[in-house]
Structure formats: C-alpha cells, structure tokens
Protein backbone atom coordinates (compact mmCIF):
# COMPACT_ATOMS: atom_id res chain seq x y z
CA MET A 1 25.13 -27.62 17.49
CA THR A 2 22.06 -26.45 15.74
CA ALA A 3 21.66 -22.66 14.43
CA PRO A 4 19.12 -20.54 16.68
CA ALA A 5 15.54 -19.90 14.95
CA LEU A 6 15.00 -17.07 13.10
CA ALA A 7 12.71 -14.74 14.75
CA PHE A 8 10.38 -12.46 12.26
CA TRP A 9 8.76 -9.21 13.07
CA THR A 10 4.95 -9.17 13.81
CA ASP A 11 2.62 -6.19 14.59
CA ALA A 12 2.55 -7.13 17.96
CA GLU A 13 5.80 -5.12 18.32
CA PRO A 14 6.57 -1.66 17.46
CA LEU A 15 8.79 -0.37 14.57
CA GLU A 16 11.68 2.02 15.80
CA CYS A 17 13.14 4.59 13.65
CA VAL A 18 16.67 4.11 13.11
CA SER A 19 17.36 6.67 10.42
CA THR A 20 15.91 9.27 7.76
CA LEU A 21 17.11 10.06 4.47
CA PRO A 22 16.10 13.13 2.40
CA GLU A 23 15.39 11.92 -1.09
CA ALA A 24 13.51 14.99 -2.52
CA PRO A 25 11.87 18.10 -2.20
CA ASN A 26 9.27 16.71 0.72
CA VAL A 27 10.01 13.55 0.51
CA VAL A 28 11.76 11.54 3.00
CA THR A 29 12.76 7.75 3.62
CA PHE A 30 12.41 6.63 7.24
CA THR A 31 14.47 3.09 8.10
CA PHE A 32 12.65 0.93 10.83
CA GLN A 33 13.93 -2.03 12.88
CA ALA A 34 12.13 -4.08 15.38
CA PRO A 35 13.81 -3.61 19.03
CA SER A 36 14.03 -7.31 19.33
CA GLY A 37 16.14 -7.66 16.44
CA ALA A 38 13.42 -9.73 14.31
CA LEU A 39 13.59 -9.89 10.75
CA PHE A 40 11.27 -8.59 8.31
CA ARG A 41 9.05 -10.71 6.25
CA PHE A 42 6.58 -9.55 3.24
CA GLN A 43 6.31 -9.43 0.00
CA PRO A 44 7.63 -6.81 -2.10
CA GLY A 45 5.11 -4.38 -3.02
CA GLN A 46 3.15 -4.69 -0.12
CA PHE A 47 2.28 -2.16 2.82
CA VAL A 48 1.94 -1.06 6.59
CA THR A 49 -0.18 0.94 8.24
CA LEU A 50 1.36 3.55 11.01
CA GLU A 51 -0.09 4.89 14.17
CA LEU A 52 0.77 8.30 13.94
CA PRO A 53 0.87 10.35 17.66
CA VAL A 54 -0.58 13.44 16.05
CA PRO A 55 -2.22 16.04 18.38
CA GLY A 56 -5.79 15.34 18.90
CA GLY A 57 -5.27 11.55 19.07
CA PRO A 58 -4.00 8.84 17.01
CA LEU A 59 -3.98 8.97 12.86
CA TYR A 60 -3.60 5.81 11.28
CA ARG A 61 -2.07 6.05 7.69
CA THR A 62 -1.06 3.22 5.23
CA TYR A 63 2.18 3.49 3.50
CA THR A 64 4.02 1.23 0.90
CA ILE A 65 7.13 -0.65 2.10
CA SER A 66 9.71 0.71 -0.09
CA SER A 67 12.67 -1.88 0.82
CA SER A 68 12.81 -5.48 -0.36
CA PRO A 69 12.35 -8.15 1.68
CA SER A 70 15.58 -9.81 0.51
CA ARG A 71 17.11 -7.30 2.84
CA PRO A 72 15.00 -8.25 6.09
CA THR A 73 16.97 -6.55 8.62
CA SER A 74 15.20 -3.30 8.41
CA LEU A 75 11.94 -1.91 6.79
CA THR A 76 11.73 1.68 5.02
CA ILE A 77 8.88 3.63 4.23
CA THR A 78 9.17 6.41 1.83
CA VAL A 79 6.65 9.35 2.09
CA LYS A 80 5.86 12.32 0.42
CA ALA A 81 4.14 15.47 2.18
CA GLN A 82 1.37 17.22 -0.27
CA ALA A 83 -0.38 20.25 0.39
CA GLY A 84 -2.68 19.76 3.25
CA SER A 85 -0.90 16.57 4.53
CA LEU A 86 -1.04 15.98 8.22
CA GLY A 87 0.39 12.67 8.94
CA THR A 88 2.83 12.52 6.74
CA ARG A 89 3.52 16.19 7.51
CA TRP A 90 4.01 15.09 11.04
CA MET A 91 6.66 12.43 10.00
CA LEU A 92 8.84 14.90 8.36
CA ASP A 93 8.67 17.43 11.04
CA HIS A 94 8.67 14.94 14.32
CA LEU A 95 9.79 11.58 13.64
CA ARG A 96 13.53 11.20 14.39
CA PRO A 97 15.80 7.91 15.11
CA GLY A 98 14.77 6.35 18.59
CA MET A 99 11.16 6.84 18.13
CA ARG A 100 8.85 4.09 18.27
CA LEU A 101 5.32 3.88 16.15
CA ARG A 102 2.95 0.89 16.69
CA ALA A 103 2.16 -0.72 13.22
CA THR A 104 -0.35 -3.15 11.36
CA GLY A 105 0.46 -5.06 8.61
CA PRO A 106 1.96 -5.79 5.97
CA GLY A 107 -0.94 -6.60 3.92
CA GLY A 108 -1.98 -6.17 0.16
CA ALA A 109 -1.28 -8.24 -2.89
CA PHE A 110 0.21 -6.02 -4.94
CA SER A 111 3.33 -7.98 -5.87
CA HIS A 112 4.80 -9.45 -8.99
CA LEU A 113 5.39 -12.22 -6.91
CA ASN A 114 1.54 -13.30 -7.05
CA HIS A 115 1.61 -12.50 -11.19
CA PRO A 116 4.91 -14.38 -12.50
CA ALA A 117 5.47 -13.46 -15.75
CA GLY A 118 8.59 -13.31 -18.01
CA LYS A 119 8.47 -9.41 -18.90
CA TYR A 120 7.15 -6.76 -16.38
CA LEU A 121 6.09 -2.76 -17.16
CA PHE A 122 6.13 -0.73 -13.82
CA ILE A 123 4.47 2.62 -14.78
CA SER A 124 4.85 4.98 -11.59
CA ALA A 125 4.41 8.81 -10.73
CA GLY A 126 5.48 10.49 -7.42
CA SER A 127 5.39 8.52 -4.10
CA GLY A 128 3.70 5.64 -6.45
CA ILE A 129 7.25 4.50 -7.08
CA THR A 130 7.69 3.04 -3.76
CA PRO A 131 6.01 -0.56 -4.38
CA MET A 132 8.27 -0.67 -7.99
CA MET A 133 11.70 0.26 -5.98
CA SER A 134 10.52 -2.59 -3.55
CA MET A 135 9.76 -4.97 -6.25
CA THR A 136 12.78 -3.96 -8.49
CA THR A 137 15.19 -4.41 -5.53
CA TYR A 138 13.87 -7.93 -4.81
CA MET A 139 14.49 -8.81 -8.54
CA TYR A 140 17.93 -7.40 -8.23
CA ASP A 141 19.17 -8.85 -5.21
CA ALA A 142 17.84 -12.32 -6.75
CA GLY A 143 21.07 -12.13 -8.83
CA ARG A 144 19.40 -12.96 -12.06
CA ASP A 145 18.84 -10.58 -15.27
CA PRO A 146 15.22 -9.78 -14.81
CA ASP A 147 13.00 -7.93 -17.87
CA ILE A 148 11.60 -4.81 -16.59
CA VAL A 149 10.84 -1.42 -18.10
CA PHE A 150 10.64 0.70 -15.70
CA ILE A 151 8.47 4.03 -16.02
CA ASN A 152 8.82 7.06 -13.68
CA CYS A 153 6.88 10.08 -13.91
CA ALA A 154 7.50 13.63 -12.24
CA ARG A 155 7.20 17.11 -12.09
CA ARG A 156 10.95 17.56 -13.06
CA PRO A 157 14.18 15.25 -12.55
CA SER A 158 15.23 16.66 -9.13
CA GLU A 159 11.80 15.00 -7.87
CA ILE A 160 12.52 11.67 -9.55
CA ILE A 161 12.40 9.83 -6.13
CA PHE A 162 15.14 6.65 -5.86
CA ARG A 163 16.78 8.37 -9.13
CA GLN A 164 20.49 7.37 -8.31
CA ARG A 165 19.59 4.16 -6.83
CA LEU A 166 17.52 2.82 -9.44
CA GLU A 167 20.48 4.13 -12.32
CA HIS A 168 23.31 2.10 -9.77
CA MET A 169 20.98 -1.12 -10.38
CA ALA A 170 20.65 -0.77 -13.98
CA SER A 171 24.18 -0.33 -14.58
CA ARG A 172 25.27 -3.31 -12.48
CA ILE A 173 23.02 -6.14 -14.34
CA THR A 174 21.33 -6.01 -17.88
CA GLY A 175 17.46 -6.36 -17.98
CA ILE A 176 16.38 -2.92 -16.07
CA GLU A 177 15.41 -0.10 -18.65
CA LEU A 178 14.25 3.00 -17.05
CA ALA A 179 12.61 5.67 -18.90
CA TRP A 180 12.29 9.15 -16.71
CA VAL A 181 9.27 11.28 -17.86
CA VAL A 182 9.31 15.16 -16.74
CA GLU A 183 6.92 17.73 -17.12
CA GLN A 184 9.62 20.72 -16.99
CA THR A 185 13.50 20.65 -16.55
CA ASP A 186 15.38 22.03 -13.98
CA ARG A 187 17.16 25.46 -14.80
CA TYR A 188 21.06 25.04 -15.82
CA GLN A 189 20.48 21.21 -15.48
CA PRO A 190 20.42 19.54 -19.13
CA TRP A 191 17.87 16.98 -19.71
CA THR A 192 17.98 14.19 -22.39
CA GLY A 193 14.84 12.07 -20.85
CA TYR A 194 11.79 12.11 -22.23
CA ARG A 195 9.32 15.45 -21.55
CA GLY A 196 5.33 15.89 -21.47
CA GLN A 197 2.81 13.82 -20.15
CA LEU A 198 2.99 10.18 -20.44
CA ASN A 199 0.47 8.99 -23.32
CA GLN A 200 0.25 6.16 -25.82
CA LEU A 201 3.07 7.44 -28.12
CA LEU A 202 5.56 7.84 -25.05
CA LEU A 203 4.30 4.48 -24.02
CA GLY A 204 5.38 3.24 -27.35
CA LEU A 205 8.50 4.53 -27.09
CA ALA A 206 9.92 3.57 -23.86
CA ALA A 207 8.44 -0.29 -24.17
CA PRO A 208 7.81 -1.24 -27.53
CA ASP A 209 7.11 -4.50 -26.72
CA TYR A 210 4.54 -3.34 -24.06
CA LEU A 211 1.51 -6.10 -25.01
CA GLU A 212 3.93 -8.66 -24.03
CA ARG A 213 4.71 -7.33 -20.28
CA GLU A 214 2.68 -7.56 -16.90
CA VAL A 215 2.20 -4.27 -15.87
CA PHE A 216 1.99 -2.87 -12.61
CA CYS A 217 0.79 0.82 -11.79
CA CYS A 218 0.74 3.19 -8.99
CA GLY A 219 0.47 6.81 -8.40
CA PRO A 220 -2.31 9.34 -8.27
CA GLU A 221 -5.99 7.95 -9.57
CA PRO A 222 -6.17 10.71 -12.33
CA PHE A 223 -2.58 9.41 -13.28
CA MET A 224 -3.34 6.01 -13.12
CA ALA A 225 -7.01 6.61 -14.99
CA ALA A 226 -4.67 7.94 -17.82
CA VAL A 227 -2.29 4.84 -17.54
CA ARG A 228 -5.68 2.63 -18.00
CA ALA A 229 -7.32 4.64 -20.78
CA ALA A 230 -4.03 4.29 -23.14
CA LEU A 231 -3.11 0.59 -22.65
CA SER A 232 -6.99 -0.15 -23.04
CA GLY A 233 -6.78 1.98 -26.53
CA LEU A 234 -3.92 0.40 -27.36
CA GLY A 235 -5.46 -3.09 -27.04
CA TYR A 236 -3.67 -4.30 -24.21
CA ASP A 237 -5.21 -6.83 -21.86
CA MET A 238 -6.40 -5.38 -18.98
CA SER A 239 -6.48 -8.67 -17.12
CA ARG A 240 -2.69 -8.28 -17.15
CA TYR A 241 -2.83 -4.73 -15.57
CA HIS A 242 -2.67 -4.42 -11.77
CA GLN A 243 -2.75 -1.11 -9.66
CA GLU A 244 -2.24 -0.23 -6.00
CA SER A 245 -4.38 2.50 -4.59
CA PHE A 246 -5.53 3.12 -0.97
CA SER A 247 -8.60 4.82 -2.31
CA ALA A 248 -12.08 3.55 -3.44
CA PRO A 249 -11.44 0.66 -5.78
CA VAL A 250 -11.56 0.72 -9.67
CA GLY A 251 -14.16 -1.94 -10.17
CA ALA A 252 -16.89 -3.47 -8.15
CA THR A 253 -16.01 -5.14 -4.85
CA GLU A 254 -16.83 -8.82 -4.21
CA ASP A 255 -20.19 -10.14 -4.95
CA VAL A 256 -22.55 -9.80 -2.69
CA PRO A 257 -23.52 -13.31 -0.89
CA GLU A 258 -26.65 -14.80 -2.58
CA GLY A 259 -29.30 -14.44 0.10
CA ILE A 260 -28.24 -11.51 1.93
CA THR A 261 -30.39 -8.20 1.62
CA LEU A 262 -29.78 -5.57 4.14
CA ASP A 263 -32.95 -4.09 5.71
CA GLU A 264 -32.37 -0.70 6.05
CA GLY A 265 -35.66 -0.72 8.47
CA ALA A 266 -34.13 -3.38 10.48
CA LYS A 267 -31.99 -3.01 13.69
CA ALA A 268 -29.05 -4.81 14.87
CA THR A 269 -27.20 -5.25 18.51
CA VAL A 270 -23.98 -4.70 18.27
CA GLU A 271 -21.77 -5.50 21.65
CA PHE A 272 -17.89 -4.38 21.84
CA SER A 273 -17.27 -6.56 24.36
CA ALA A 274 -13.56 -5.13 25.56
CA SER A 275 -15.13 -1.86 25.94
CA GLY A 276 -18.34 -3.02 27.42
CA VAL A 277 -20.67 -1.04 25.36
CA THR A 278 -23.66 -2.36 23.75
CA ILE A 279 -25.70 -0.20 20.81
CA GLU A 280 -28.57 -0.53 18.28
CA CYS A 281 -27.80 0.21 14.78
CA ALA A 282 -29.20 -0.09 11.56
CA GLU A 283 -28.09 -3.33 9.55
CA THR A 284 -26.79 -0.72 6.56
CA GLU A 285 -24.85 0.78 9.25
CA THR A 286 -21.26 -0.44 9.08
CA LEU A 287 -19.69 -1.67 12.47
CA LEU A 288 -16.95 1.02 12.08
CA ALA A 289 -19.67 3.72 12.05
CA ALA A 290 -21.16 2.10 14.57
CA ALA A 291 -18.09 2.18 16.77
CA ARG A 292 -17.67 5.78 16.13
CA SER A 293 -21.02 6.88 16.93
CA ALA A 294 -20.83 5.17 20.40
CA GLY A 295 -17.59 7.14 20.74
CA LEU A 296 -15.14 3.94 20.44
CA ASN A 297 -11.85 4.05 18.51
CA ILE A 298 -11.58 1.36 16.27
CA PRO A 299 -7.91 1.97 14.28
CA SER A 300 -9.07 2.12 10.41
CA GLY A 301 -6.93 3.67 7.36
CA CYS A 302 -8.73 3.44 3.95
CA THR A 303 -12.19 2.45 4.79
CA PHE A 304 -12.54 0.59 1.84
CA GLY A 305 -11.56 -2.96 3.01
CA ILE A 306 -8.08 -2.65 1.31
CA CYS A 307 -5.59 -1.75 4.14
CA GLY A 308 -6.70 -4.36 6.67
CA THR A 309 -6.11 -1.83 9.59
CA CYS A 310 -9.73 -2.12 11.17
CA LYS A 311 -9.52 -6.15 12.02
CA VAL A 312 -11.09 -7.30 14.53
CA LYS A 313 -12.36 -10.44 16.15
CA LYS A 314 -15.86 -11.33 15.54
CA THR A 315 -17.28 -13.60 18.77
CA GLU A 316 -20.94 -14.09 17.93
CA GLY A 317 -23.14 -13.30 15.38
CA GLN A 318 -23.25 -12.72 11.41
CA VAL A 319 -21.95 -9.80 9.38
CA HIS A 320 -22.23 -9.29 5.67
CA MET A 321 -18.42 -8.25 4.86
CA VAL A 322 -17.81 -6.95 1.33
CA HIS A 323 -13.76 -6.17 1.29
CA ASN A 324 -11.33 -5.26 -1.31
CA GLY A 325 -8.54 -7.81 -0.31
CA GLY A 326 -7.68 -6.46 3.06
CA ILE A 327 -8.30 -9.85 5.14
CA THR A 328 -7.04 -13.36 4.35
CA GLU A 329 -8.84 -16.27 4.17
CA ASP A 330 -7.29 -17.67 7.04
CA ASP A 331 -8.04 -14.71 9.17
CA ILE A 332 -11.73 -14.74 8.07
CA ALA A 333 -11.82 -18.70 8.94
CA ASN A 334 -10.64 -17.53 12.46
CA GLY A 335 -13.39 -15.16 13.21
CA TYR A 336 -11.87 -11.89 11.94
CA ILE A 337 -13.67 -9.01 10.03
CA LEU A 338 -12.89 -5.71 8.87
CA ALA A 339 -15.37 -3.05 10.24
CA CYS A 340 -15.09 -0.66 8.02
CA CYS A 341 -16.79 -2.95 5.19
CA SER A 342 -18.88 -5.36 7.49
CA ASN A 343 -23.01 -4.68 8.08
CA PRO A 344 -24.27 -6.32 11.70
CA ILE A 345 -27.05 -8.71 11.00
CA GLY A 346 -28.87 -9.32 14.21
CA LYS A 347 -26.75 -9.55 17.28
CA VAL A 348 -22.96 -9.32 16.74
CA SER A 349 -20.15 -9.15 18.99
CA ILE A 350 -16.77 -8.14 18.38
CA VAL A 351 -13.56 -7.62 20.72
CA ALA A 352 -13.06 -3.73 20.30
C-alpha cells in the first residue's frame, strides 16, 4: 500500500485564518491553514502578499512569513501596526479565525538557504525580526547545533517580539546567542541587556567574530542604513551582507539590456485581453500605470519589482523589464512579466 501523495498549497487557494496571538503592543501573529489541508512549502525568510478587503477596495500588502517550512501544516504572519497603518490596522481590528484571504506567493530570495555559511549574524529591529525567526526556527528544527548570533533592537524590552520563544530555543541547544538592544527600559522591570542604539561598539560586543559571519539584516530603512555603515566602517566584506526590504532597493536594479532605449515620445499600444480594453500610452509608462489610467486594477504591492504581486501573462509583443528578484527565470520563460516595472514596446497584449 503506497502512501498518498502530499499536496502543497498554491496561491490559487485562499488562506484561512485559524488563530491570532498578541505578541507585543500593536503586534499580532496570525496563523493560517489551507482549507484543503494542503501543506506549505517555502524557503525560510520568504514572504506572501495578502489581499485585504479594506473599505474602498482591496489593498495588497506584503508580509514576511514568520513560521518555518519545517512546520508545514500552518503558515504564520506577524504584523506590527505603525502610525497611519491601513492594511495592518485592518488586520488587527477585523481579521478573525474563520475568515479567508486571497494571497500570492511565496516569493523572495532573502533566505540563509541561498547563502550557506558556517556562521550567521542576524540583525533586526521591530517587525524585521520575522524572517530571522523563520530562519532560526528552521535551523533549530534541523536538530543540529547552528552558529547564530541573533541581535534584535527594540524601543523597550516589552516590545521585543518572539523574545520568550527565542530564549526557549536558545536554552535547548548550543549555538544560538541572543543579544537584545533597547533604547529604554520598562518601569519596575530590571534590565541586564544592552541599552542604546546599535553601533560599532555594541556590534563588536555582541558578535566579536562578525567578520567571519554571513549577515542578514531586516528593519526600517534608516536602521538598515546604520547597520550597513557600521559594518562597512569596520571593514566587513559587504558581499556577504543581505537585507530584506519592501521599499526602494539599495543598489541599482538589473542592468538595462543592451540595444533597448525607451523613447519618451514613442507610443505603445497595450491590449488588456481579459478586460477587453486597448489603450495607447508612452513607452516610458509602466504597464501598471497604463492599467490604472485605463481604470483597471492589477494587484500590486511594492511597485519596485520585489514582491511579484503584479505578475501577469504576456501573450504578444515585447517589454523592457527591470526587476529586483520578484519573478523567476522560469516565469519569464513562460511569458510572465511584472507590470510595475515593465515598459511596453510597440504593441503588447497581456492577460489582465
């Protein structure tokens, strides 16, 4: 008798919220399962994009998966509502067990599996801790002692996300060294960790052998900029530095293909075959912008070619696409493009 084949979740199926867990002030972990019972397969550190039914129309937001693929029966997303948050605030106020959301993904290449090393240094701030939690849990579940120095920065100790779970893992095996850095302490709660802003001195104290470690960093952009400056100033090999960000990339995007020059005065014709709409636009206008000007809604997240939410099928014509890892080579070979960073050349037809 043969065992039944395992079924894995794809984004053709919605995610069903099965539980919520408060983690810290304005921070909640949402646990999802596939209604079909399918398992989840992804790289630790990857993300999904959720379609949130906020008033006024769907809103697309990209969140890193905080669970590990070594625990494949569920998928968790841990979100922090910032001042002015719209999508995340809606999740905290309205998303409850039993509700289902459409999702796309998983996507992204921010994973230690893509950069094998003997030693790792994980540096995070705020909700940037989520990919580090996923990667650390994955290595913990493997049963071997890893070599991780885990630095997390927060405003105060009560705002450190996953603190108890990480301390539990660190107490069960060797090879997970935790370093908490806070700006201020909680009243009536003694604090024996680091205090202040992460700088070169604190970096050297928490990870004296940082030059030997592969560095992964995630947090607000000013925080990551400070980490990059500190490491670079200490002579660290920045080719071994990796960061996760859903805003404008740090470096340049992929090289523009030779022989392709976009002419601001040139016009292109774009057919949205699923909607039956054909419009004329400038070659310098992206397909996403063209769709919006035509009143069409192509789902989009980061708009920088990172998250892959705006992936659409191109059935005719040529585009100039400059992306930041939000689409695979296999997808490109099968005719898919990212609307947010693709410029039409001549006549183009896409399924949208």
